[in-house]
Amino acid sequence: MEINTFIAHLSEEFEDLGVFALSPSTVLRDMPGWNSMHILLLVAMIDFRYQVLLSGEHLKTVETVNDLFDLVKQKQHEH
């Protein structure tokens, strides 16, 4: 899994937020319009595309897109 592909998947999922350029350093909570519905969409997208189920506790440890990418990679290797 590559960070650029991961960012492309996130961008597709959150195009309604008007986020034009996500980067590894983008802080998820700082994205305009970010809310609990987007968190649910994020969890569903990661489960569907990467076969990783994240909990609320997992997401509390994530701040940036890169943090999320690293967490998903780590969880994939646990399987």
PDB file of N, CA and C in Angstrom:
ATOM      1  N   MET A   1       0.854  -1.179   0.000  1.00  0.00           N
ATOM      2  CA  MET A   1       0.000   0.000   0.000  1.00  0.00           C
ATOM      3  C   MET A   1       0.894   1.235   0.000  1.00  0.00           C
ATOM      4  N   GLU A   2       0.541   2.171  -0.843  1.00  0.00           N
ATOM      5  CA  GLU A   2       1.301   3.409  -0.977  1.00  0.00           C
ATOM      6  C   GLU A   2       0.492   4.581  -0.412  1.00  0.00           C
ATOM      7  N   ILE A   3       1.184   5.551   0.165  1.00  0.00           N
ATOM      8  CA  ILE A   3       0.514   6.709   0.760  1.00  0.00           C
ATOM      9  C   ILE A   3      -0.284   7.482  -0.287  1.00  0.00           C
ATOM     10  N   ASN A   4       0.225   7.587  -1.515  1.00  0.00           N
ATOM     11  CA  ASN A   4      -0.487   8.359  -2.544  1.00  0.00           C
ATOM     12  C   ASN A   4      -1.810   7.708  -2.924  1.00  0.00           C
ATOM     13  N   THR A   5      -1.838   6.375  -2.979  1.00  0.00           N
ATOM     14  CA  THR A   5      -3.081   5.660  -3.262  1.00  0.00           C
ATOM     15  C   THR A   5      -4.061   5.844  -2.117  1.00  0.00           C
ATOM     16  N   PHE A   6      -3.556   5.751  -0.898  1.00  0.00           N
ATOM     17  CA  PHE A   6      -4.389   5.948   0.292  1.00  0.00           C
ATOM     18  C   PHE A   6      -5.000   7.347   0.289  1.00  0.00           C
ATOM     19  N   ILE A   7      -4.200   8.342  -0.016  1.00  0.00           N
ATOM     20  CA  ILE A   7      -4.694   9.726  -0.070  1.00  0.00           C
ATOM     21  C   ILE A   7      -5.742   9.875  -1.170  1.00  0.00           C
ATOM     22  N   ALA A   8      -5.535   9.224  -2.304  1.00  0.00           N
ATOM     23  CA  ALA A   8      -6.523   9.285  -3.387  1.00  0.00           C
ATOM     24  C   ALA A   8      -7.857   8.691  -2.930  1.00  0.00           C
ATOM     25  N   HIS A   9      -7.816   7.583  -2.199  1.00  0.00           N
ATOM     26  CA  HIS A   9      -9.046   6.982  -1.684  1.00  0.00           C
ATOM     27  C   HIS A   9      -9.736   7.907  -0.681  1.00  0.00           C
ATOM     28  N   LEU A  10      -8.956   8.530   0.197  1.00  0.00           N
ATOM     29  CA  LEU A  10      -9.536   9.484   1.142  1.00  0.00           C
ATOM     30  C   LEU A  10     -10.164  10.663   0.406  1.00  0.00           C
ATOM     31  N   SER A  11      -9.470  11.159  -0.592  1.00  0.00           N
ATOM     32  CA  SER A  11      -9.971  12.306  -1.356  1.00  0.00           C
ATOM     33  C   SER A  11     -11.307  11.992  -2.019  1.00  0.00           C
ATOM     34  N   GLU A  12     -11.420  10.792  -2.582  1.00  0.00           N
ATOM     35  CA  GLU A  12     -12.687  10.368  -3.184  1.00  0.00           C
ATOM     36  C   GLU A  12     -13.804  10.354  -2.154  1.00  0.00           C
ATOM     37  N   GLU A  13     -13.486   9.836  -0.982  1.00  0.00           N
ATOM     38  CA  GLU A  13     -14.492   9.682   0.073  1.00  0.00           C
ATOM     39  C   GLU A  13     -14.957  11.032   0.613  1.00  0.00           C
ATOM     40  N   PHE A  14     -14.051  11.990   0.650  1.00  0.00           N
ATOM     41  CA  PHE A  14     -14.359  13.265   1.292  1.00  0.00           C
ATOM     42  C   PHE A  14     -14.433  14.433   0.322  1.00  0.00           C
ATOM     43  N   GLU A  15     -14.722  14.144  -0.943  1.00  0.00           N
ATOM     44  CA  GLU A  15     -14.807  15.229  -1.928  1.00  0.00           C
ATOM     45  C   GLU A  15     -15.907  16.226  -1.570  1.00  0.00           C
ATOM     46  N   ASP A  16     -16.927  15.799  -0.824  1.00  0.00           N
ATOM     47  CA  ASP A  16     -18.005  16.711  -0.428  1.00  0.00           C
ATOM     48  C   ASP A  16     -17.538  17.758   0.573  1.00  0.00           C
ATOM     49  N   LEU A  17     -16.384  17.536   1.220  1.00  0.00           N
ATOM     50  CA  LEU A  17     -15.865  18.520   2.165  1.00  0.00           C
ATOM     51  C   LEU A  17     -15.168  19.678   1.461  1.00  0.00           C
ATOM     52  N   GLY A  18     -14.918  19.518   0.169  1.00  0.00           N
ATOM     53  CA  GLY A  18     -14.225  20.565  -0.570  1.00  0.00           C
ATOM     54  C   GLY A  18     -12.740  20.588  -0.283  1.00  0.00           C
ATOM     55  N   VAL A  19     -12.203  19.472   0.192  1.00  0.00           N
ATOM     56  CA  VAL A  19     -10.768  19.385   0.439  1.00  0.00           C
ATOM     57  C   VAL A  19     -10.107  19.071  -0.894  1.00  0.00           C
ATOM     58  N   PHE A  20      -9.284  19.957  -1.354  1.00  0.00           N
ATOM     59  CA  PHE A  20      -8.721  19.806  -2.679  1.00  0.00           C
ATOM     60  C   PHE A  20      -7.416  19.051  -2.652  1.00  0.00           C
ATOM     61  N   ALA A  21      -6.611  19.294  -1.669  1.00  0.00           N
ATOM     62  CA  ALA A  21      -5.286  18.677  -1.664  1.00  0.00           C
ATOM     63  C   ALA A  21      -4.976  18.117  -0.280  1.00  0.00           C
ATOM     64  N   LEU A  22      -5.231  16.845  -0.112  1.00  0.00           N
ATOM     65  CA  LEU A  22      -4.820  16.187   1.127  1.00  0.00           C
ATOM     66  C   LEU A  22      -3.350  15.837   1.002  1.00  0.00           C
ATOM     67  N   SER A  23      -2.666  15.896   2.114  1.00  0.00           N
ATOM     68  CA  SER A  23      -1.257  15.494   2.151  1.00  0.00           C
ATOM     69  C   SER A  23      -1.062  14.622   3.383  1.00  0.00           C
ATOM     70  N   PRO A  24       0.082  13.979   3.495  1.00  0.00           N
ATOM     71  CA  PRO A  24       0.322  13.168   4.682  1.00  0.00           C
ATOM     72  C   PRO A  24       0.217  13.971   5.986  1.00  0.00           C
ATOM     73  N   SER A  25       0.498  15.257   5.927  1.00  0.00           N
ATOM     74  CA  SER A  25       0.470  16.077   7.151  1.00  0.00           C
ATOM     75  C   SER A  25      -0.885  16.722   7.428  1.00  0.00           C
ATOM     76  N   THR A  26      -1.878  16.503   6.573  1.00  0.00           N
ATOM     77  CA  THR A  26      -3.208  17.064   6.801  1.00  0.00           C
ATOM     78  C   THR A  26      -3.778  16.532   8.113  1.00  0.00           C
ATOM     79  N   VAL A  27      -4.222  17.435   8.965  1.00  0.00           N
ATOM     80  CA  VAL A  27      -4.851  17.056  10.233  1.00  0.00           C
ATOM     81  C   VAL A  27      -6.325  16.797   9.944  1.00  0.00           C
ATOM     82  N   LEU A  28      -6.755  15.565  10.199  1.00  0.00           N
ATOM     83  CA  LEU A  28      -8.121  15.164   9.848  1.00  0.00           C
ATOM     84  C   LEU A  28      -9.160  16.057  10.507  1.00  0.00           C
ATOM     85  N   ARG A  29      -9.012  16.326  11.782  1.00  0.00           N
ATOM     86  CA  ARG A  29     -10.017  17.114  12.512  1.00  0.00           C
ATOM     87  C   ARG A  29     -10.084  18.575  12.055  1.00  0.00           C
ATOM     88  N   ASP A  30      -9.043  19.027  11.356  1.00  0.00           N
ATOM     89  CA  ASP A  30      -9.009  20.414  10.891  1.00  0.00           C
ATOM     90  C   ASP A  30      -9.629  20.588   9.508  1.00  0.00           C
ATOM     91  N   MET A  31     -10.041  19.481   8.878  1.00  0.00           N
ATOM     92  CA  MET A  31     -10.656  19.603   7.554  1.00  0.00           C
ATOM     93  C   MET A  31     -12.006  20.300   7.703  1.00  0.00           C
ATOM     94  N   PRO A  32     -12.295  21.280   6.858  1.00  0.00           N
ATOM     95  CA  PRO A  32     -13.570  21.989   6.940  1.00  0.00           C
ATOM     96  C   PRO A  32     -14.741  21.008   6.809  1.00  0.00           C
ATOM     97  N   GLY A  33     -15.701  21.129   7.703  1.00  0.00           N
ATOM     98  CA  GLY A  33     -16.887  20.289   7.635  1.00  0.00           C
ATOM     99  C   GLY A  33     -16.733  18.916   8.245  1.00  0.00           C
ATOM    100  N   TRP A  34     -15.565  18.602   8.816  1.00  0.00           N
ATOM    101  CA  TRP A  34     -15.311  17.292   9.412  1.00  0.00           C
ATOM    102  C   TRP A  34     -16.292  17.059  10.564  1.00  0.00           C
ATOM    103  N   ASN A  35     -16.968  15.906  10.553  1.00  0.00           N
ATOM    104  CA  ASN A  35     -17.902  15.590  11.634  1.00  0.00           C
ATOM    105  C   ASN A  35     -17.985  14.077  11.834  1.00  0.00           C
ATOM    106  N   SER A  36     -18.845  13.663  12.736  1.00  0.00           N
ATOM    107  CA  SER A  36     -18.947  12.244  13.077  1.00  0.00           C
ATOM    108  C   SER A  36     -19.406  11.391  11.895  1.00  0.00           C
ATOM    109  N   MET A  37     -20.198  11.943  11.001  1.00  0.00           N
ATOM    110  CA  MET A  37     -20.624  11.191   9.816  1.00  0.00           C
ATOM    111  C   MET A  37     -19.420  10.850   8.938  1.00  0.00           C
ATOM    112  N   HIS A  38     -18.486  11.763   8.818  1.00  0.00           N
ATOM    113  CA  HIS A  38     -17.295  11.513   8.025  1.00  0.00           C
ATOM    114  C   HIS A  38     -16.405  10.449   8.683  1.00  0.00           C
ATOM    115  N   ILE A  39     -16.409  10.418  10.004  1.00  0.00           N
ATOM    116  CA  ILE A  39     -15.662   9.375  10.704  1.00  0.00           C
ATOM    117  C   ILE A  39     -16.247   8.007  10.365  1.00  0.00           C
ATOM    118  N   LEU A  40     -17.568   7.902  10.348  1.00  0.00           N
ATOM    119  CA  LEU A  40     -18.217   6.643   9.986  1.00  0.00           C
ATOM    120  C   LEU A  40     -17.902   6.249   8.543  1.00  0.00           C
ATOM    121  N   LEU A  41     -17.925   7.214   7.644  1.00  0.00           N
ATOM    122  CA  LEU A  41     -17.577   6.948   6.249  1.00  0.00           C
ATOM    123  C   LEU A  41     -16.126   6.496   6.123  1.00  0.00           C
ATOM    124  N   LEU A  42     -15.265   7.110   6.898  1.00  0.00           N
ATOM    125  CA  LEU A  42     -13.853   6.749   6.901  1.00  0.00           C
ATOM    126  C   LEU A  42     -13.665   5.298   7.357  1.00  0.00           C
ATOM    127  N   VAL A  43     -14.319   4.927   8.450  1.00  0.00           N
ATOM    128  CA  VAL A  43     -14.224   3.561   8.967  1.00  0.00           C
ATOM    129  C   VAL A  43     -14.743   2.569   7.927  1.00  0.00           C
ATOM    130  N   ALA A  44     -15.868   2.898   7.296  1.00  0.00           N
ATOM    131  CA  ALA A  44     -16.449   2.005   6.277  1.00  0.00           C
ATOM    132  C   ALA A  44     -15.528   1.875   5.068  1.00  0.00           C
ATOM    133  N   MET A  45     -14.954   2.974   4.620  1.00  0.00           N
ATOM    134  CA  MET A  45     -14.058   2.938   3.466  1.00  0.00           C
ATOM    135  C   MET A  45     -12.825   2.096   3.764  1.00  0.00           C
ATOM    136  N   ILE A  46     -12.249   2.259   4.935  1.00  0.00           N
ATOM    137  CA  ILE A  46     -11.048   1.500   5.302  1.00  0.00           C
ATOM    138  C   ILE A  46     -11.376   0.015   5.431  1.00  0.00           C
ATOM    139  N   ASP A  47     -12.535  -0.289   6.001  1.00  0.00           N
ATOM    140  CA  ASP A  47     -12.956  -1.687   6.110  1.00  0.00           C
ATOM    141  C   ASP A  47     -13.134  -2.295   4.715  1.00  0.00           C
ATOM    142  N   PHE A  48     -13.799  -1.581   3.825  1.00  0.00           N
ATOM    143  CA  PHE A  48     -14.069  -2.075   2.477  1.00  0.00           C
ATOM    144  C   PHE A  48     -12.803  -2.220   1.638  1.00  0.00           C
ATOM    145  N   ARG A  49     -11.988  -1.172   1.592  1.00  0.00           N
ATOM    146  CA  ARG A  49     -10.817  -1.166   0.700  1.00  0.00           C
ATOM    147  C   ARG A  49      -9.615  -1.918   1.245  1.00  0.00           C
ATOM    148  N   TYR A  50      -9.466  -1.890   2.586  1.00  0.00           N
ATOM    149  CA  TYR A  50      -8.238  -2.422   3.183  1.00  0.00           C
ATOM    150  C   TYR A  50      -8.483  -3.589   4.143  1.00  0.00           C
ATOM    151  N   GLN A  51      -9.745  -3.978   4.326  1.00  0.00           N
ATOM    152  CA  GLN A  51     -10.107  -5.079   5.210  1.00  0.00           C
ATOM    153  C   GLN A  51      -9.549  -4.881   6.623  1.00  0.00           C
ATOM    154  N   VAL A  52      -9.644  -3.645   7.097  1.00  0.00           N
ATOM    155  CA  VAL A  52      -9.204  -3.291   8.441  1.00  0.00           C
ATOM    156  C   VAL A  52     -10.370  -2.599   9.132  1.00  0.00           C
ATOM    157  N   LEU A  53     -10.760  -3.128  10.287  1.00  0.00           N
ATOM    158  CA  LEU A  53     -11.841  -2.519  11.046  1.00  0.00           C
ATOM    159  C   LEU A  53     -11.236  -1.703  12.187  1.00  0.00           C
ATOM    160  N   LEU A  54     -11.469  -0.401  12.147  1.00  0.00           N
ATOM    161  CA  LEU A  54     -10.936   0.494  13.167  1.00  0.00           C
ATOM    162  C   LEU A  54     -12.012   0.813  14.189  1.00  0.00           C
ATOM    163  N   SER A  55     -11.597   0.929  15.428  1.00  0.00           N
ATOM    164  CA  SER A  55     -12.516   1.297  16.504  1.00  0.00           C
ATOM    165  C   SER A  55     -12.350   2.781  16.834  1.00  0.00           C
ATOM    166  N   GLY A  56     -13.247   3.268  17.660  1.00  0.00           N
ATOM    167  CA  GLY A  56     -13.128   4.647  18.135  1.00  0.00           C
ATOM    168  C   GLY A  56     -11.827   4.871  18.884  1.00  0.00           C
ATOM    169  N   GLU A  57     -11.409   3.857  19.626  1.00  0.00           N
ATOM    170  CA  GLU A  57     -10.138   3.967  20.353  1.00  0.00           C
ATOM    171  C   GLU A  57      -8.964   4.102  19.393  1.00  0.00           C
ATOM    172  N   HIS A  58      -9.004   3.356  18.298  1.00  0.00           N
ATOM    173  CA  HIS A  58      -7.942   3.484  17.292  1.00  0.00           C
ATOM    174  C   HIS A  58      -7.915   4.915  16.749  1.00  0.00           C
ATOM    175  N   LEU A  59      -9.081   5.424  16.425  1.00  0.00           N
ATOM    176  CA  LEU A  59      -9.156   6.739  15.783  1.00  0.00           C
ATOM    177  C   LEU A  59      -8.753   7.874  16.728  1.00  0.00           C
ATOM    178  N   LYS A  60      -8.874   7.657  18.025  1.00  0.00           N
ATOM    179  CA  LYS A  60      -8.444   8.676  18.982  1.00  0.00           C
ATOM    180  C   LYS A  60      -6.939   8.891  18.935  1.00  0.00           C
ATOM    181  N   THR A  61      -6.205   7.895  18.446  1.00  0.00           N
ATOM    182  CA  THR A  61      -4.742   7.997  18.398  1.00  0.00           C
ATOM    183  C   THR A  61      -4.254   8.633  17.103  1.00  0.00           C
ATOM    184  N   VAL A  62      -5.167   8.894  16.188  1.00  0.00           N
ATOM    185  CA  VAL A  62      -4.810   9.381  14.856  1.00  0.00           C
ATOM    186  C   VAL A  62      -5.054  10.888  14.771  1.00  0.00           C
ATOM    187  N   GLU A  63      -4.046  11.592  14.273  1.00  0.00           N
ATOM    188  CA  GLU A  63      -4.202  13.031  14.078  1.00  0.00           C
ATOM    189  C   GLU A  63      -4.130  13.409  12.602  1.00  0.00           C
ATOM    190  N   THR A  64      -3.137  12.875  11.903  1.00  0.00           N
ATOM    191  CA  THR A  64      -2.910  13.260  10.514  1.00  0.00           C
ATOM    192  C   THR A  64      -3.256  12.121   9.567  1.00  0.00           C
ATOM    193  N   VAL A  65      -3.294  12.439   8.289  1.00  0.00           N
ATOM    194  CA  VAL A  65      -3.505  11.424   7.258  1.00  0.00           C
ATOM    195  C   VAL A  65      -2.400  10.366   7.349  1.00  0.00           C
ATOM    196  N   ASN A  66      -1.167  10.788   7.575  1.00  0.00           N
ATOM    197  CA  ASN A  66      -0.069   9.839   7.687  1.00  0.00           C
ATOM    198  C   ASN A  66      -0.237   8.921   8.896  1.00  0.00           C
ATOM    199  N   ASP A  67      -0.711   9.455  10.025  1.00  0.00           N
ATOM    200  CA  ASP A  67      -0.984   8.624  11.200  1.00  0.00           C
ATOM    201  C   ASP A  67      -2.005   7.546  10.852  1.00  0.00           C
ATOM    202  N   LEU A  68      -3.042   7.936  10.142  1.00  0.00           N
ATOM    203  CA  LEU A  68      -4.088   6.995   9.745  1.00  0.00           C
ATOM    204  C   LEU A  68      -3.525   5.934   8.802  1.00  0.00           C
ATOM    205  N   PHE A  69      -2.733   6.353   7.842  1.00  0.00           N
ATOM    206  CA  PHE A  69      -2.081   5.437   6.911  1.00  0.00           C
ATOM    207  C   PHE A  69      -1.230   4.418   7.674  1.00  0.00           C
ATOM    208  N   ASP A  70      -0.422   4.893   8.612  1.00  0.00           N
ATOM    209  CA  ASP A  70       0.433   3.999   9.396  1.00  0.00           C
ATOM    210  C   ASP A  70      -0.396   3.016  10.213  1.00  0.00           C
ATOM    211  N   LEU A  71      -1.486   3.473  10.788  1.00  0.00           N
ATOM    212  CA  LEU A  71      -2.362   2.607  11.579  1.00  0.00           C
ATOM    213  C   LEU A  71      -2.974   1.516  10.707  1.00  0.00           C
ATOM    214  N   VAL A  72      -3.455   1.877   9.533  1.00  0.00           N
ATOM    215  CA  VAL A  72      -4.058   0.901   8.629  1.00  0.00           C
ATOM    216  C   VAL A  72      -3.011  -0.118   8.193  1.00  0.00           C
ATOM    217  N   LYS A  73      -1.817   0.332   7.858  1.00  0.00           N
ATOM    218  CA  LYS A  73      -0.738  -0.596   7.480  1.00  0.00           C
ATOM    219  C   LYS A  73      -0.416  -1.551   8.637  1.00  0.00           C
ATOM    220  N   GLN A  74      -0.334  -1.015   9.835  1.00  0.00           N
ATOM    221  CA  GLN A  74      -0.047  -1.845  11.002  1.00  0.00           C
ATOM    222  C   GLN A  74      -1.131  -2.895  11.203  1.00  0.00           C
ATOM    223  N   LYS A  75      -2.381  -2.498  11.095  1.00  0.00           N
ATOM    224  CA  LYS A  75      -3.497  -3.437  11.301  1.00  0.00           C
ATOM    225  C   LYS A  75      -3.539  -4.494  10.194  1.00  0.00           C
ATOM    226  N   GLN A  76      -3.158  -4.116   8.983  1.00  0.00           N
ATOM    227  CA  GLN A  76      -3.117  -5.102   7.895  1.00  0.00           C
ATOM    228  C   GLN A  76      -2.084  -6.183   8.191  1.00  0.00           C
ATOM    229  N   HIS A  77      -0.972  -5.800   8.767  1.00  0.00           N
ATOM    230  CA  HIS A  77       0.093  -6.763   9.039  1.00  0.00           C
ATOM    231  C   HIS A  77      -0.229  -7.655  10.233  1.00  0.00           C
ATOM    232  N   GLU A  78      -1.198  -7.263  11.041  1.00  0.00           N
ATOM    233  CA  GLU A  78      -1.605  -8.072  12.186  1.00  0.00           C
ATOM    234  C   GLU A  78      -2.444  -9.253  11.760  1.00  0.00           C
ATOM    235  N   HIS A  79      -2.998  -9.196  10.537  1.00  0.00           N
ATOM    236  CA  HIS A  79      -3.869 -10.277  10.071  1.00  0.00           C
ATOM    237  C   HIS A  79      -3.090 -11.358   9.419  1.00  0.00           C
TER     238      HIS A  79
END
